[in-house]
N, C-alpha and C. Protein backbone atom coordinates (compact mmCIF):
# COMPACT_ATOMS: atom_id res chain seq x y z
N MET A 1 20.77 65.99 66.04
CA MET A 1 19.50 66.32 65.69
C MET A 1 19.36 66.14 64.11
N VAL A 2 18.18 65.82 63.63
CA VAL A 2 17.93 65.56 62.32
C VAL A 2 17.15 66.71 61.75
N ILE A 3 17.51 67.30 60.60
CA ILE A 3 16.76 68.38 59.94
C ILE A 3 16.55 67.92 58.53
N CYS A 4 15.23 67.98 58.11
CA CYS A 4 14.88 67.78 56.67
C CYS A 4 14.78 69.10 56.01
N MET A 5 15.21 69.28 54.80
CA MET A 5 15.21 70.49 54.08
C MET A 5 14.18 70.33 52.93
N TRP A 6 13.27 71.35 52.79
CA TRP A 6 12.29 71.38 51.79
C TRP A 6 12.48 72.58 50.92
N VAL A 7 12.28 72.46 49.58
CA VAL A 7 12.26 73.62 48.70
C VAL A 7 11.02 73.51 47.85
N PRO A 8 10.63 74.62 47.15
CA PRO A 8 9.43 74.57 46.33
C PRO A 8 9.54 73.48 45.24
N ALA A 9 8.38 72.86 44.98
CA ALA A 9 8.44 71.78 43.85
C ALA A 9 8.91 72.32 42.55
N ARG A 10 8.47 73.65 42.22
CA ARG A 10 8.98 74.30 41.08
C ARG A 10 9.16 75.67 41.50
N ILE A 11 10.08 76.39 40.93
CA ILE A 11 10.37 77.74 41.26
C ILE A 11 9.08 78.57 41.09
N GLY A 12 8.80 79.40 42.05
CA GLY A 12 7.63 80.24 42.02
C GLY A 12 6.32 79.59 42.50
N HIS A 13 6.44 78.37 42.84
CA HIS A 13 5.20 77.62 43.35
C HIS A 13 5.22 77.58 44.88
N THR A 14 3.97 77.40 45.45
CA THR A 14 4.01 77.36 46.91
C THR A 14 3.96 75.92 47.43
N SER A 15 3.80 74.93 46.59
CA SER A 15 3.88 73.60 47.12
C SER A 15 5.30 73.15 47.24
N PHE A 16 5.70 72.41 48.31
CA PHE A 16 6.99 72.14 48.58
C PHE A 16 7.28 70.63 48.44
N LYS A 17 8.48 70.28 48.10
CA LYS A 17 8.93 68.89 48.09
C LYS A 17 10.10 68.76 49.02
N LYS A 18 10.25 67.57 49.50
CA LYS A 18 11.29 67.26 50.40
C LYS A 18 12.53 67.00 49.54
N MET A 19 13.62 67.65 49.91
CA MET A 19 14.89 67.33 49.24
C MET A 19 15.36 65.94 49.71
N THR A 20 16.07 65.28 48.97
CA THR A 20 16.66 64.00 49.32
C THR A 20 17.66 64.04 50.43
N THR A 21 18.11 65.23 50.73
CA THR A 21 19.11 65.37 51.81
C THR A 21 18.43 65.56 53.15
N ILE A 22 18.82 64.70 54.02
CA ILE A 22 18.37 64.80 55.40
C ILE A 22 19.64 64.90 56.24
N PHE A 23 19.69 65.98 57.04
CA PHE A 23 20.96 66.27 57.74
C PHE A 23 20.78 65.80 59.15
N HIS A 24 21.82 65.01 59.54
CA HIS A 24 21.99 64.67 60.93
C HIS A 24 22.91 65.71 61.44
N TYR A 25 22.20 66.79 61.97
CA TYR A 25 22.86 68.07 62.16
C TYR A 25 23.40 68.11 63.66
N HIS A 26 24.64 68.55 63.69
CA HIS A 26 25.29 68.92 64.97
C HIS A 26 25.84 70.36 64.62
N ALA A 27 26.04 71.13 65.70
CA ALA A 27 26.59 72.51 65.42
C ALA A 27 27.79 72.55 64.51
N ALA A 28 28.56 71.52 64.59
CA ALA A 28 29.84 71.46 63.79
C ALA A 28 29.46 71.23 62.30
N ASP A 29 28.24 70.89 62.07
CA ASP A 29 27.85 70.58 60.62
C ASP A 29 27.15 71.75 60.02
N THR A 30 27.13 72.89 60.62
CA THR A 30 26.50 74.06 60.04
C THR A 30 26.97 74.42 58.65
N ALA A 31 28.21 74.17 58.36
CA ALA A 31 28.78 74.52 57.06
C ALA A 31 28.16 73.66 55.90
N LYS A 32 27.87 72.34 56.20
CA LYS A 32 27.24 71.43 55.26
C LYS A 32 25.84 71.87 54.99
N LEU A 33 25.10 72.20 56.06
CA LEU A 33 23.70 72.62 55.72
C LEU A 33 23.68 74.02 55.12
N GLU A 34 24.67 74.90 55.47
CA GLU A 34 24.63 76.18 54.78
C GLU A 34 25.01 76.04 53.31
N ASP A 35 25.88 75.07 52.95
CA ASP A 35 26.16 74.81 51.49
C ASP A 35 24.95 74.42 50.78
N ALA A 36 24.09 73.44 51.40
CA ALA A 36 23.00 72.95 50.76
C ALA A 36 21.93 74.10 50.62
N ILE A 37 21.77 74.87 51.57
CA ILE A 37 20.79 76.06 51.49
C ILE A 37 21.30 77.01 50.40
N LEU A 38 22.56 77.39 50.42
CA LEU A 38 23.05 78.31 49.40
C LEU A 38 22.94 77.70 47.98
N ARG A 39 23.09 76.40 47.85
CA ARG A 39 22.98 75.80 46.56
C ARG A 39 21.49 75.83 46.06
N ALA A 40 20.56 75.65 47.02
CA ALA A 40 19.10 75.83 46.65
C ALA A 40 18.86 77.17 46.28
N HIS A 41 19.34 78.17 46.98
CA HIS A 41 19.14 79.60 46.57
C HIS A 41 19.70 79.90 45.22
N ALA A 42 20.89 79.33 44.91
CA ALA A 42 21.51 79.54 43.62
C ALA A 42 20.72 78.93 42.44
N GLN A 43 20.00 77.91 42.80
CA GLN A 43 19.10 77.22 41.77
C GLN A 43 17.76 77.85 41.69
N GLY A 44 17.61 79.03 42.37
CA GLY A 44 16.36 79.78 42.22
C GLY A 44 15.38 79.57 43.31
N HIS A 45 15.60 78.68 44.29
CA HIS A 45 14.74 78.37 45.42
C HIS A 45 15.06 79.40 46.57
N LYS A 46 14.32 80.51 46.51
CA LYS A 46 14.68 81.55 47.53
C LYS A 46 14.13 81.21 48.93
N ARG A 47 13.10 80.40 48.93
CA ARG A 47 12.45 80.05 50.26
C ARG A 47 12.87 78.55 50.53
N VAL A 48 13.50 78.40 51.57
CA VAL A 48 13.87 76.99 52.06
C VAL A 48 13.22 76.77 53.42
N VAL A 49 12.67 75.57 53.57
CA VAL A 49 11.93 75.17 54.77
C VAL A 49 12.79 74.13 55.51
N LEU A 50 13.16 74.45 56.74
CA LEU A 50 13.86 73.46 57.58
C LEU A 50 12.85 72.78 58.52
N ASP A 51 12.63 71.48 58.29
CA ASP A 51 11.64 70.72 59.14
C ASP A 51 12.35 70.36 60.40
N LEU A 52 11.91 70.82 61.53
CA LEU A 52 12.55 70.47 62.80
C LEU A 52 11.81 69.39 63.59
N ASP A 53 10.84 68.73 63.01
CA ASP A 53 10.03 67.78 63.77
C ASP A 53 10.74 66.56 64.28
N ARG A 54 11.95 66.31 63.80
CA ARG A 54 12.76 65.17 64.33
C ARG A 54 13.77 65.66 65.23
N VAL A 55 13.67 66.92 65.66
CA VAL A 55 14.63 67.48 66.60
C VAL A 55 14.10 67.35 67.98
N ASP A 56 14.89 66.79 68.85
CA ASP A 56 14.46 66.61 70.23
C ASP A 56 14.71 67.85 71.09
N ASP A 57 15.83 68.51 70.85
CA ASP A 57 16.25 69.61 71.80
C ASP A 57 17.06 70.52 70.94
N LEU A 58 16.95 71.88 71.10
CA LEU A 58 17.82 72.85 70.45
C LEU A 58 18.68 73.46 71.61
N GLY A 59 19.97 73.06 71.55
CA GLY A 59 20.92 73.63 72.58
C GLY A 59 21.55 74.94 72.00
N THR A 60 22.31 75.54 72.83
CA THR A 60 22.89 76.90 72.49
C THR A 60 23.66 76.84 71.12
N ALA A 61 24.41 75.81 70.98
CA ALA A 61 25.32 75.71 69.72
C ALA A 61 24.34 75.54 68.52
N GLU A 62 23.31 74.76 68.60
CA GLU A 62 22.41 74.56 67.47
C GLU A 62 21.61 75.84 67.20
N LEU A 63 21.19 76.58 68.21
CA LEU A 63 20.47 77.88 67.98
C LEU A 63 21.48 78.85 67.33
N ARG A 64 22.67 78.89 67.86
CA ARG A 64 23.76 79.77 67.18
C ARG A 64 23.90 79.41 65.72
N GLY A 65 23.91 78.08 65.43
CA GLY A 65 24.03 77.66 63.98
C GLY A 65 22.89 78.04 63.12
N LEU A 66 21.69 78.01 63.73
CA LEU A 66 20.46 78.51 62.98
C LEU A 66 20.55 79.98 62.61
N ILE A 67 21.10 80.78 63.52
CA ILE A 67 21.27 82.21 63.30
C ILE A 67 22.21 82.42 62.20
N THR A 68 23.40 81.71 62.26
CA THR A 68 24.41 81.75 61.13
C THR A 68 23.72 81.40 59.79
N LEU A 69 22.95 80.31 59.79
CA LEU A 69 22.27 79.97 58.54
C LEU A 69 21.39 81.03 58.08
N LEU A 70 20.58 81.67 58.96
CA LEU A 70 19.61 82.71 58.56
C LEU A 70 20.41 83.90 57.97
N ARG A 71 21.51 84.34 58.61
CA ARG A 71 22.27 85.44 58.13
C ARG A 71 22.87 85.20 56.75
N ARG A 72 23.42 84.02 56.59
CA ARG A 72 23.98 83.66 55.22
C ARG A 72 22.88 83.57 54.23
N SER A 73 21.75 83.01 54.56
CA SER A 73 20.66 82.88 53.58
C SER A 73 20.19 84.26 53.19
N ARG A 74 20.02 85.17 54.08
CA ARG A 74 19.58 86.49 53.74
C ARG A 74 20.58 87.30 52.93
N GLN A 75 21.86 87.00 53.20
CA GLN A 75 22.91 87.66 52.37
C GLN A 75 22.80 87.18 50.93
N ALA A 76 22.39 85.94 50.72
CA ALA A 76 22.21 85.41 49.45
C ALA A 76 20.92 85.72 48.76
N GLY A 77 20.06 86.51 49.44
CA GLY A 77 18.78 86.88 48.94
C GLY A 77 17.71 85.89 49.15
N GLY A 78 17.85 84.97 50.12
CA GLY A 78 16.96 83.92 50.41
C GLY A 78 16.24 84.08 51.75
N GLU A 79 15.41 83.10 52.05
CA GLU A 79 14.68 83.08 53.25
C GLU A 79 14.67 81.65 53.86
N ILE A 80 14.81 81.50 55.20
CA ILE A 80 14.69 80.23 55.76
C ILE A 80 13.43 80.24 56.67
N VAL A 81 12.51 79.25 56.50
CA VAL A 81 11.38 79.10 57.30
C VAL A 81 11.59 77.84 58.15
N LEU A 82 11.27 77.96 59.47
CA LEU A 82 11.28 76.71 60.29
C LEU A 82 9.99 76.16 60.39
N ARG A 83 9.87 74.84 60.28
CA ARG A 83 8.59 74.06 60.41
C ARG A 83 8.72 73.07 61.47
N THR A 84 7.78 73.15 62.50
CA THR A 84 7.83 72.25 63.55
C THR A 84 6.45 72.15 64.27
N THR A 85 6.17 70.99 64.82
CA THR A 85 4.96 70.84 65.70
C THR A 85 5.40 70.50 67.15
N LYS A 86 6.65 70.38 67.33
CA LYS A 86 7.19 69.88 68.65
C LYS A 86 7.26 71.06 69.63
N GLY A 87 6.53 70.87 70.74
CA GLY A 87 6.42 71.86 71.71
C GLY A 87 7.73 72.31 72.38
N GLU A 88 8.68 71.35 72.54
CA GLU A 88 9.95 71.69 73.08
C GLU A 88 10.76 72.68 72.20
N VAL A 89 10.62 72.39 70.92
CA VAL A 89 11.33 73.24 69.88
C VAL A 89 10.70 74.62 69.83
N ILE A 90 9.33 74.63 69.81
CA ILE A 90 8.62 75.96 69.71
C ILE A 90 9.01 76.78 70.98
N ARG A 91 9.00 76.11 72.18
CA ARG A 91 9.39 76.79 73.37
C ARG A 91 10.83 77.38 73.32
N ALA A 92 11.73 76.59 72.84
CA ALA A 92 13.17 77.12 72.71
C ALA A 92 13.22 78.25 71.80
N LEU A 93 12.41 78.22 70.73
CA LEU A 93 12.48 79.39 69.72
C LEU A 93 11.83 80.64 70.39
N ARG A 94 10.81 80.44 71.12
CA ARG A 94 10.08 81.57 71.85
C ARG A 94 10.98 82.15 72.89
N LEU A 95 11.62 81.30 73.70
CA LEU A 95 12.47 81.74 74.78
C LEU A 95 13.61 82.54 74.33
N THR A 96 14.15 82.20 73.22
CA THR A 96 15.35 82.95 72.67
C THR A 96 14.97 84.00 71.71
N ALA A 97 13.60 84.22 71.42
CA ALA A 97 13.04 85.22 70.61
C ALA A 97 13.44 84.88 69.08
N LEU A 98 13.87 83.74 68.79
CA LEU A 98 14.20 83.26 67.43
C LEU A 98 12.88 83.22 66.58
N ASP A 99 11.74 83.04 67.26
CA ASP A 99 10.54 83.05 66.52
C ASP A 99 10.20 84.40 65.95
N ARG A 100 10.91 85.40 66.36
CA ARG A 100 10.78 86.79 65.77
C ARG A 100 11.66 86.92 64.58
N LEU A 101 12.83 86.19 64.56
CA LEU A 101 13.72 86.29 63.40
C LEU A 101 13.36 85.37 62.26
N PHE A 102 12.92 84.18 62.66
CA PHE A 102 12.57 83.24 61.61
C PHE A 102 11.02 83.12 61.43
N PRO A 103 10.51 83.01 60.22
CA PRO A 103 9.12 82.64 60.09
C PRO A 103 9.01 81.14 60.61
N VAL A 104 8.06 80.83 61.52
CA VAL A 104 7.90 79.53 62.02
C VAL A 104 6.47 79.18 61.71
N GLU A 105 6.34 77.88 61.12
CA GLU A 105 5.10 77.49 60.72
C GLU A 105 4.93 75.99 61.29
N ASP A 106 3.65 75.58 61.48
CA ASP A 106 3.42 74.16 61.85
C ASP A 106 2.89 73.50 60.64
N ARG A 107 2.69 72.24 60.68
CA ARG A 107 2.28 71.42 59.46
C ARG A 107 0.83 71.89 59.03
N ALA A 108 0.02 72.24 59.95
CA ALA A 108 -1.31 72.71 59.70
C ALA A 108 -1.33 73.96 58.77
N GLU A 109 -0.44 74.92 59.23
CA GLU A 109 -0.23 76.11 58.47
C GLU A 109 0.34 75.87 57.09
N ALA A 110 1.22 74.96 56.97
CA ALA A 110 1.93 74.61 55.78
C ALA A 110 1.01 74.06 54.74
N ALA A 111 0.05 73.30 55.26
CA ALA A 111 -0.95 72.56 54.33
C ALA A 111 -1.93 73.51 53.77
N ALA A 112 -2.15 74.64 54.53
CA ALA A 112 -3.29 75.54 54.13
C ALA A 112 -2.86 76.35 52.84
């Protein structure tokens, strides 16, 4: 699955820019994505958005990886927001109640 990571264009601002890093994410790659998120937090970007629109399916291993990322992000004083418009991904987040752990926004909400 492919995940794009977004951080605020400037610290303290609400407009976001896409980071150059696009992750071809598999559960085994959680450490790489975690490192990128923690680096963003260390640079002052406390809110990181993971764009899941290029994700076709969230399996058990990927969902477990997202939980790990959220826990590590919160330990570092940060926040992870999931962004998606894909019905399959939204359903998976709802079925597993991860939509209660993660803030989830769609592109229309993000543009507002």
